[in-house]
Protein backbone atom coordinates (compact mmCIF):
# COMPACT_ATOMS: atom_id res chain seq x y z
CA MET A 1 122.32 249.51 14.96
CA LYS A 2 119.41 248.79 12.63
CA ILE A 3 120.13 245.06 12.86
CA LEU A 4 120.02 245.16 16.66
CA THR A 5 116.74 247.11 16.58
CA LEU A 6 115.21 244.54 14.23
CA ARG A 7 116.33 241.66 16.43
CA PHE A 8 114.93 243.22 19.61
CA GLY A 9 111.72 244.11 17.82
CA PHE A 10 111.31 240.49 16.73
CA LEU A 11 111.78 239.30 20.31
CA PHE A 12 109.01 241.63 21.50
CA LEU A 13 106.66 240.57 18.69
CA LEU A 14 107.18 236.82 19.20
CA PRO A 15 104.88 236.45 22.28
CA ALA A 16 102.11 238.35 20.49
CA VAL A 17 102.41 236.11 17.41
CA MET A 18 102.27 232.99 19.61
CA LEU A 19 99.17 234.31 21.40
CA LEU A 20 97.40 234.98 18.09
CA ALA A 21 98.20 231.45 16.94
CA CYS A 22 96.57 230.01 20.07
CA LEU A 23 93.40 232.12 19.90
CA PRO A 24 91.42 229.75 17.61
CA ALA A 25 92.01 226.81 19.99
CA MET A 26 91.11 228.94 23.01
CA ALA A 27 87.99 230.27 21.29
CA GLY A 28 86.68 226.71 20.94
CA GLN A 29 86.74 226.29 24.73
CA GLY A 30 84.97 229.57 25.43
CA SER A 31 85.91 232.19 28.00
CA VAL A 32 86.50 231.36 31.63
CA LEU A 33 83.12 232.83 32.60
CA GLU A 34 81.37 230.85 29.86
CA ARG A 35 82.96 227.62 31.07
CA ILE A 36 81.88 228.41 34.65
CA HIS A 37 78.28 229.09 33.58
CA ASP A 38 78.20 225.95 31.38
CA ALA A 39 79.58 223.64 34.11
CA ASP A 40 77.05 221.06 35.31
CA GLN A 41 79.26 219.56 38.08
CA PRO A 42 80.66 221.38 41.14
CA PHE A 43 84.43 221.80 41.17
CA ASP A 44 86.05 219.58 43.80
CA ASN A 45 89.73 220.37 44.35
CA MET A 46 90.15 217.17 46.39
CA GLN A 47 89.62 215.07 43.26
CA ILE A 48 92.44 216.54 41.16
CA GLU A 49 94.63 213.78 39.76
CA SER A 50 98.38 214.21 39.56
CA ALA A 51 99.79 214.73 36.09
CA TYR A 52 102.55 212.24 36.89
CA GLN A 53 102.17 208.63 37.92
CA LEU A 54 103.83 207.71 41.20
CA SER A 55 106.41 205.00 40.55
CA LEU A 56 106.34 203.72 44.15
CA LYS A 57 103.90 201.04 45.29
CA THR A 58 101.17 202.21 47.64
CA VAL A 59 98.16 200.81 49.50
CA LEU A 60 94.96 202.49 50.59
CA ALA A 61 95.27 203.40 54.27
CA LYS A 62 92.90 201.83 56.76
CA GLU A 63 92.57 205.20 58.46
CA SER A 64 91.10 208.51 57.36
CA TYR A 65 91.92 212.15 57.99
CA GLN A 66 89.99 215.38 57.68
CA GLY A 67 90.41 215.31 53.90
CA GLY A 68 89.11 211.76 53.50
CA VAL A 69 91.01 208.65 52.45
CA PHE A 70 94.70 208.55 51.52
CA ARG A 71 97.44 206.10 50.57
CA VAL A 72 100.68 204.98 52.25
CA LEU A 73 103.89 203.51 50.87
CA VAL A 74 104.06 199.72 51.08
CA ARG A 75 106.39 198.17 53.64
CA LYS A 76 106.70 194.53 52.60
CA ASP A 77 108.65 195.35 49.43
CA ALA A 78 111.38 196.93 51.59
CA ILE A 79 111.80 193.90 53.88
CA SER A 80 114.61 191.78 52.52
CA ARG A 81 113.58 188.61 54.40
CA TYR A 82 109.85 188.68 53.82
CA ARG A 83 107.82 186.40 53.73
CA CYS A 84 108.66 185.29 57.26
CA SER A 85 106.73 182.03 56.83
CA VAL A 86 109.41 180.76 54.44
CA CYS A 87 111.53 179.96 57.51
CA HIS A 88 108.96 180.18 60.31
CA THR A 89 107.06 176.96 59.62
CA LYS A 90 105.64 174.32 61.93
CA LYS A 91 108.69 172.15 61.30
CA LYS A 92 111.35 172.06 63.98
CA PRO A 93 114.47 174.07 62.97
CA GLN A 94 117.30 171.78 61.92
CA VAL A 95 120.07 174.36 62.05
CA ARG A 96 121.86 175.34 65.26
CA ASP A 97 121.60 179.02 66.28
CA GLY A 98 119.13 179.70 63.47
CA ALA A 99 117.78 182.85 65.14
CA LEU A 100 121.30 184.24 65.60
CA ILE A 101 122.23 183.51 61.99
CA THR A 102 119.11 185.06 60.48
CA HIS A 103 118.34 187.88 62.94
CA GLY A 104 121.67 188.46 64.66
CA ASP A 105 122.00 191.88 63.04
CA ILE A 106 118.83 193.14 64.76
CA LYS A 107 119.43 195.11 67.95
CA ILE A 108 116.19 195.86 69.80
CA ASN A 109 116.22 199.29 71.38
CA HIS A 110 112.50 199.95 71.60
CA GLY A 111 111.12 200.95 74.98
CA GLU A 112 112.91 201.90 78.18
CA GLY A 113 113.84 200.09 81.38
CA GLU A 114 111.37 197.35 82.22
CA ASN A 115 109.26 198.29 79.19
CA VAL A 116 111.77 197.12 76.56
CA LEU A 117 109.80 195.26 73.89
CA ALA A 118 110.36 191.66 72.89
CA CYS A 119 109.86 190.30 69.34
CA ILE A 120 106.57 188.57 70.15
CA GLU A 121 104.98 191.77 71.44
CA CYS A 122 104.79 193.11 67.89
CA HIS A 123 105.11 189.98 65.70
CA ASP A 124 102.29 187.44 65.68
CA ARG A 125 103.42 184.32 67.50
CA GLN A 126 101.59 181.89 65.21
CA GLU A 127 101.51 183.68 61.83
CA ARG A 128 104.83 185.45 61.45
CA ASP A 129 103.77 187.17 58.21
CA PHE A 130 101.68 189.51 60.37
CA LEU A 131 102.15 191.96 63.20
CA VAL A 132 99.82 191.83 66.19
CA ASP A 133 98.43 194.54 68.46
CA MET A 134 97.72 194.41 72.21
CA GLN A 135 94.25 193.02 71.59
CA GLY A 136 95.63 190.14 69.53
CA ARG A 137 94.41 191.50 66.19
CA LYS A 138 96.61 190.74 63.19
CA ILE A 139 98.06 193.70 61.30
CA ASP A 140 99.52 193.62 57.80
CA PHE A 141 103.12 194.88 57.55
CA ASP A 142 101.96 197.49 55.01
CA HIS A 143 99.73 198.98 57.72
CA SER A 144 102.29 199.05 60.53
CA TYR A 145 101.06 202.53 61.56
CA LYS A 146 98.10 200.76 63.21
CA LEU A 147 100.55 198.92 65.47
CA CYS A 148 102.80 201.93 66.16
CA GLY A 149 99.82 204.17 66.93
CA GLN A 150 98.61 202.08 69.87
CA CYS A 151 101.57 203.41 71.92
CA HIS A 152 102.67 206.44 69.92
CA PHE A 153 99.19 207.91 69.70
CA ARG A 154 100.24 211.57 69.57
CA PRO A 155 102.73 211.10 66.70
CA LYS A 156 100.04 209.07 64.92
CA ARG A 157 97.53 211.87 65.38
CA ASP A 158 100.06 214.32 63.92
CA TRP A 159 100.87 211.84 61.12
CA LEU A 160 97.20 211.62 60.16
CA GLY A 161 96.93 215.41 60.18
CA GLY A 162 100.08 215.91 58.11
CA ALA A 163 102.31 217.47 60.79
CA HIS A 164 104.44 214.33 61.26
CA GLY A 165 106.01 212.34 58.47
CA LYS A 166 106.34 213.24 54.84
CA ARG A 167 104.05 213.41 51.85
CA VAL A 168 105.44 211.95 48.64
CA THR A 169 103.08 213.38 45.99
CA TYR A 170 101.95 216.76 44.78
CA TRP A 171 99.72 218.80 47.08
CA ALA A 172 96.99 219.05 44.44
CA GLY A 173 96.90 215.31 43.74
CA GLU A 174 96.02 212.21 45.71
CA ARG A 175 97.48 212.19 49.22
CA VAL A 176 100.26 209.59 49.58
CA VAL A 177 102.41 209.58 52.73
CA MET A 178 105.31 207.57 54.06
CA ASN A 179 104.68 204.73 56.49
CA CYS A 180 106.15 204.94 60.02
CA THR A 181 108.86 202.46 59.05
CA SER A 182 109.82 204.51 55.98
CA CYS A 183 111.79 206.72 58.38
CA HIS A 184 111.98 204.83 61.68
CA ASP A 185 113.77 201.54 62.24
CA PRO A 186 111.00 199.52 63.96
CA HIS A 187 113.52 197.80 66.25
CA SER A 188 115.30 201.02 67.20
CA PRO A 189 112.96 203.87 66.23
CA ALA A 190 114.59 206.80 68.04
CA PHE A 191 116.91 208.97 65.98
CA LYS A 192 120.36 209.58 67.36
CA THR A 193 120.97 213.07 68.71
CA LYS A 194 123.29 215.08 66.53
CA MET A 195 124.39 218.66 66.14
CA PRO A 196 123.08 220.65 63.18
CA GLU A 197 125.40 220.65 60.19
CA THR A 198 125.06 224.42 59.78
CA TYR A 199 124.48 227.04 62.43
CA SER A 200 124.38 230.78 62.88
CA LEU A 201 127.43 232.48 64.33
CA PRO A 202 126.81 234.39 67.59
CA LEU A 203 126.11 238.08 67.12
CA GLU A 204 128.94 240.38 68.07
CA ASP A 205 128.32 243.13 70.61
């Protein structure tokens, strides 16, 4: 019984001993109030850096939101056949059915009825390494949200505000969000309807 009492007593004393060991280091920093009074710069919680480095490649967005600037995941690294200009040159294709061989796996299901999109409506006709908007302005693949937003303006508004899409860093750190094409297939962006995997059983009377 005495041994058990000694063991439990040691467990209760351990936090106090650890606190006493840390007091000299804490004393050097001063109390919280002292540090507040001594501060010569205002505290800005929007400038907190994440303690962990994001391993994914990102680019600074060409848009802003109510919190300022933010970053998006790159797109070009995820495209297996980029750069497009490797094949799309000014030379005449020498292979038969080249488009079918290289892009035969792409099924365009974007738009409805008479508004179904064609390749050239999103891809620049002359410089295939770029997208193009309705005004003929070139758009980098990493900033595809600028192209998507010209038609899907409400989802883009929600994306900028944080209600659509997904953030991939800590809330206290720099804002990094997924690009539209991180979730949506650009050639067939709508998700297939499916039943939920789990559901609540009906209540019994």
